[in-house]
Amino acid sequence: MTAHLESEAGANPHDSHYGEMECPLCHKMHRESEDYCAWCHAFGWEIR
């Protein structure tokens, strides 16, 4: 994530306060990806 996108998004989903997270928590291979952070936070990110 670029600094520009981070400033727009308000946070960087790849810089979790839980430390290093596994990519498949959000990024799925054979189905739509999901926003793992949305369980607790309402950033409104578009997951790709």
PDB file of N, CA and C in Angstrom:
ATOM      1  N   MET A   1       0.859  -1.171   0.000  1.00  0.00           N
ATOM      2  CA  MET A   1       0.000   0.000   0.000  1.00  0.00           C
ATOM      3  C   MET A   1       0.903   1.231   0.000  1.00  0.00           C
ATOM      4  N   THR A   2       0.620   2.173  -0.883  1.00  0.00           N
ATOM      5  CA  THR A   2       1.419   3.388  -0.957  1.00  0.00           C
ATOM      6  C   THR A   2       1.033   4.356   0.161  1.00  0.00           C
ATOM      7  N   ALA A   3       1.925   5.273   0.470  1.00  0.00           N
ATOM      8  CA  ALA A   3       1.651   6.270   1.508  1.00  0.00           C
ATOM      9  C   ALA A   3       0.420   7.095   1.144  1.00  0.00           C
ATOM     10  N   HIS A   4       0.253   7.383  -0.148  1.00  0.00           N
ATOM     11  CA  HIS A   4      -0.913   8.150  -0.607  1.00  0.00           C
ATOM     12  C   HIS A   4      -2.205   7.398  -0.292  1.00  0.00           C
ATOM     13  N   LEU A   5      -2.253   6.102  -0.622  1.00  0.00           N
ATOM     14  CA  LEU A   5      -3.453   5.315  -0.339  1.00  0.00           C
ATOM     15  C   LEU A   5      -3.681   5.171   1.159  1.00  0.00           C
ATOM     16  N   GLU A   6      -2.601   5.016   1.918  1.00  0.00           N
ATOM     17  CA  GLU A   6      -2.738   4.897   3.371  1.00  0.00           C
ATOM     18  C   GLU A   6      -3.344   6.162   3.963  1.00  0.00           C
ATOM     19  N   SER A   7      -2.938   7.331   3.472  1.00  0.00           N
ATOM     20  CA  SER A   7      -3.501   8.576   4.000  1.00  0.00           C
ATOM     21  C   SER A   7      -4.979   8.698   3.633  1.00  0.00           C
ATOM     22  N   GLU A   8      -5.367   8.221   2.447  1.00  0.00           N
ATOM     23  CA  GLU A   8      -6.779   8.236   2.048  1.00  0.00           C
ATOM     24  C   GLU A   8      -7.607   7.248   2.856  1.00  0.00           C
ATOM     25  N   ALA A   9      -7.047   6.058   3.113  1.00  0.00           N
ATOM     26  CA  ALA A   9      -7.784   4.992   3.795  1.00  0.00           C
ATOM     27  C   ALA A   9      -7.838   5.200   5.303  1.00  0.00           C
ATOM     28  N   GLY A  10      -6.922   5.983   5.843  1.00  0.00           N
ATOM     29  CA  GLY A  10      -6.905   6.217   7.282  1.00  0.00           C
ATOM     30  C   GLY A  10      -6.106   5.189   8.061  1.00  0.00           C
ATOM     31  N   ALA A  11      -5.727   4.093   7.428  1.00  0.00           N
ATOM     32  CA  ALA A  11      -4.927   3.048   8.052  1.00  0.00           C
ATOM     33  C   ALA A  11      -4.421   2.122   6.953  1.00  0.00           C
ATOM     34  N   ASN A  12      -3.443   1.321   7.289  1.00  0.00           N
ATOM     35  CA  ASN A  12      -2.886   0.363   6.339  1.00  0.00           C
ATOM     36  C   ASN A  12      -3.263  -1.044   6.783  1.00  0.00           C
ATOM     37  N   PRO A  13      -4.079  -1.763   6.033  1.00  0.00           N
ATOM     38  CA  PRO A  13      -4.502  -3.101   6.445  1.00  0.00           C
ATOM     39  C   PRO A  13      -3.350  -4.097   6.509  1.00  0.00           C
ATOM     40  N   HIS A  14      -2.219  -3.785   5.867  1.00  0.00           N
ATOM     41  CA  HIS A  14      -1.061  -4.673   5.901  1.00  0.00           C
ATOM     42  C   HIS A  14      -0.132  -4.346   7.065  1.00  0.00           C
ATOM     43  N   ASP A  15      -0.507  -3.408   7.911  1.00  0.00           N
ATOM     44  CA  ASP A  15       0.266  -3.036   9.101  1.00  0.00           C
ATOM     45  C   ASP A  15      -0.645  -3.203  10.313  1.00  0.00           C
ATOM     46  N   SER A  16      -0.991  -4.439  10.616  1.00  0.00           N
ATOM     47  CA  SER A  16      -1.967  -4.752  11.659  1.00  0.00           C
ATOM     48  C   SER A  16      -1.398  -4.553  13.059  1.00  0.00           C
ATOM     49  N   HIS A  17      -2.239  -4.137  13.972  1.00  0.00           N
ATOM     50  CA  HIS A  17      -1.819  -4.027  15.370  1.00  0.00           C
ATOM     51  C   HIS A  17      -1.666  -5.405  16.011  1.00  0.00           C
ATOM     52  N   TYR A  18      -2.052  -6.462  15.295  1.00  0.00           N
ATOM     53  CA  TYR A  18      -1.838  -7.842  15.751  1.00  0.00           C
ATOM     54  C   TYR A  18      -0.497  -8.388  15.287  1.00  0.00           C
ATOM     55  N   GLY A  19       0.288  -7.580  14.585  1.00  0.00           N
ATOM     56  CA  GLY A  19       1.553  -8.055  14.039  1.00  0.00           C
ATOM     57  C   GLY A  19       1.339  -8.618  12.644  1.00  0.00           C
ATOM     58  N   GLU A  20       2.244  -9.485  12.213  1.00  0.00           N
ATOM     59  CA  GLU A  20       2.150 -10.054  10.873  1.00  0.00           C
ATOM     60  C   GLU A  20       0.988 -11.038  10.793  1.00  0.00           C
ATOM     61  N   MET A  21       0.090 -10.789   9.848  1.00  0.00           N
ATOM     62  CA  MET A  21      -1.095 -11.634   9.663  1.00  0.00           C
ATOM     63  C   MET A  21      -0.915 -12.456   8.387  1.00  0.00           C
ATOM     64  N   GLU A  22      -1.554 -13.602   8.323  1.00  0.00           N
ATOM     65  CA  GLU A  22      -1.509 -14.446   7.131  1.00  0.00           C
ATOM     66  C   GLU A  22      -2.369 -13.825   6.022  1.00  0.00           C
ATOM     67  N   CYS A  23      -1.862 -13.771   4.819  1.00  0.00           N
ATOM     68  CA  CYS A  23      -2.572 -13.165   3.684  1.00  0.00           C
ATOM     69  C   CYS A  23      -3.970 -13.751   3.460  1.00  0.00           C
ATOM     70  N   PRO A  24      -4.143 -15.100   3.579  1.00  0.00           N
ATOM     71  CA  PRO A  24      -5.467 -15.678   3.304  1.00  0.00           C
ATOM     72  C   PRO A  24      -6.569 -15.264   4.282  1.00  0.00           C
ATOM     73  N   LEU A  25      -6.232 -14.545   5.338  1.00  0.00           N
ATOM     74  CA  LEU A  25      -7.292 -14.030   6.204  1.00  0.00           C
ATOM     75  C   LEU A  25      -8.198 -13.080   5.428  1.00  0.00           C
ATOM     76  N   CYS A  26      -7.635 -12.368   4.457  1.00  0.00           N
ATOM     77  CA  CYS A  26      -8.417 -11.449   3.621  1.00  0.00           C
ATOM     78  C   CYS A  26      -8.451 -11.893   2.159  1.00  0.00           C
ATOM     79  N   HIS A  27      -7.288 -12.249   1.622  1.00  0.00           N
ATOM     80  CA  HIS A  27      -7.154 -12.564   0.203  1.00  0.00           C
ATOM     81  C   HIS A  27      -7.440 -14.041  -0.025  1.00  0.00           C
ATOM     82  N   LYS A  28      -8.502 -14.329  -0.784  1.00  0.00           N
ATOM     83  CA  LYS A  28      -8.933 -15.704  -1.054  1.00  0.00           C
ATOM     84  C   LYS A  28      -8.576 -16.084  -2.489  1.00  0.00           C
ATOM     85  N   MET A  29      -8.213 -17.330  -2.699  1.00  0.00           N
ATOM     86  CA  MET A  29      -7.814 -17.791  -4.036  1.00  0.00           C
ATOM     87  C   MET A  29      -9.012 -18.084  -4.940  1.00  0.00           C
ATOM     88  N   HIS A  30     -10.007 -18.774  -4.430  1.00  0.00           N
ATOM     89  CA  HIS A  30     -11.089 -19.265  -5.280  1.00  0.00           C
ATOM     90  C   HIS A  30     -12.457 -18.723  -4.890  1.00  0.00           C
ATOM     91  N   ARG A  31     -12.463 -17.640  -4.147  1.00  0.00           N
ATOM     92  CA  ARG A  31     -13.720 -16.977  -3.812  1.00  0.00           C
ATOM     93  C   ARG A  31     -13.421 -15.511  -3.524  1.00  0.00           C
ATOM     94  N   GLU A  32     -14.454 -14.735  -3.321  1.00  0.00           N
ATOM     95  CA  GLU A  32     -14.291 -13.303  -3.093  1.00  0.00           C
ATOM     96  C   GLU A  32     -13.501 -13.051  -1.808  1.00  0.00           C
ATOM     97  N   SER A  33     -12.550 -12.130  -1.878  1.00  0.00           N
ATOM     98  CA  SER A  33     -11.778 -11.767  -0.693  1.00  0.00           C
ATOM     99  C   SER A  33     -12.665 -11.050   0.306  1.00  0.00           C
ATOM    100  N   GLU A  34     -12.218 -10.967   1.548  1.00  0.00           N
ATOM    101  CA  GLU A  34     -13.022 -10.332   2.590  1.00  0.00           C
ATOM    102  C   GLU A  34     -12.157  -9.413   3.444  1.00  0.00           C
ATOM    103  N   ASP A  35     -12.796  -8.533   4.153  1.00  0.00           N
ATOM    104  CA  ASP A  35     -12.128  -7.567   5.022  1.00  0.00           C
ATOM    105  C   ASP A  35     -12.102  -8.124   6.447  1.00  0.00           C
ATOM    106  N   TYR A  36     -11.007  -8.782   6.810  1.00  0.00           N
ATOM    107  CA  TYR A  36     -10.872  -9.374   8.145  1.00  0.00           C
ATOM    108  C   TYR A  36     -11.002  -8.304   9.234  1.00  0.00           C
ATOM    109  N   CYS A  37     -10.477  -7.113   8.979  1.00  0.00           N
ATOM    110  CA  CYS A  37     -10.512  -6.030   9.972  1.00  0.00           C
ATOM    111  C   CYS A  37     -11.938  -5.589  10.301  1.00  0.00           C
ATOM    112  N   ALA A  38     -12.871  -5.842   9.358  1.00  0.00           N
ATOM    113  CA  ALA A  38     -14.259  -5.401   9.537  1.00  0.00           C
ATOM    114  C   ALA A  38     -14.966  -6.112  10.690  1.00  0.00           C
ATOM    115  N   TRP A  39     -14.375  -7.173  11.225  1.00  0.00           N
ATOM    116  CA  TRP A  39     -14.970  -7.823  12.403  1.00  0.00           C
ATOM    117  C   TRP A  39     -15.023  -6.837  13.572  1.00  0.00           C
ATOM    118  N   CYS A  40     -14.055  -5.910  13.617  1.00  0.00           N
ATOM    119  CA  CYS A  40     -13.998  -4.953  14.733  1.00  0.00           C
ATOM    120  C   CYS A  40     -14.001  -3.491  14.281  1.00  0.00           C
ATOM    121  N   HIS A  41     -13.555  -3.225  13.049  1.00  0.00           N
ATOM    122  CA  HIS A  41     -13.376  -1.853  12.570  1.00  0.00           C
ATOM    123  C   HIS A  41     -14.274  -1.577  11.371  1.00  0.00           C
ATOM    124  N   ALA A  42     -14.592  -0.316  11.145  1.00  0.00           N
ATOM    125  CA  ALA A  42     -15.431   0.089  10.008  1.00  0.00           C
ATOM    126  C   ALA A  42     -14.659   1.043   9.098  1.00  0.00           C
ATOM    127  N   PHE A  43     -13.574   0.546   8.480  1.00  0.00           N
ATOM    128  CA  PHE A  43     -12.780   1.374   7.574  1.00  0.00           C
ATOM    129  C   PHE A  43     -13.447   1.522   6.212  1.00  0.00           C
ATOM    130  N   GLY A  44     -14.249   0.544   5.794  1.00  0.00           N
ATOM    131  CA  GLY A  44     -14.920   0.600   4.501  1.00  0.00           C
ATOM    132  C   GLY A  44     -13.989   0.360   3.331  1.00  0.00           C
ATOM    133  N   TRP A  45     -12.965  -0.472   3.524  1.00  0.00           N
ATOM    134  CA  TRP A  45     -11.997  -0.746   2.470  1.00  0.00           C
ATOM    135  C   TRP A  45     -12.591  -1.595   1.360  1.00  0.00           C
ATOM    136  N   GLU A  46     -12.098  -1.373   0.144  1.00  0.00           N
ATOM    137  CA  GLU A  46     -12.419  -2.227  -1.000  1.00  0.00           C
ATOM    138  C   GLU A  46     -11.330  -3.291  -1.065  1.00  0.00           C
ATOM    139  N   ILE A  47     -11.689  -4.534  -0.834  1.00  0.00           N
ATOM    140  CA  ILE A  47     -10.717  -5.625  -0.805  1.00  0.00           C
ATOM    141  C   ILE A  47     -10.559  -6.197  -2.202  1.00  0.00           C
ATOM    142  N   ARG A  48      -9.309  -6.375  -2.610  1.00  0.00           N
ATOM    143  CA  ARG A  48      -9.017  -6.934  -3.944  1.00  0.00           C
ATOM    144  C   ARG A  48      -8.311  -8.250  -3.811  1.00  0.00           C
TER     145      ARG A  48
END
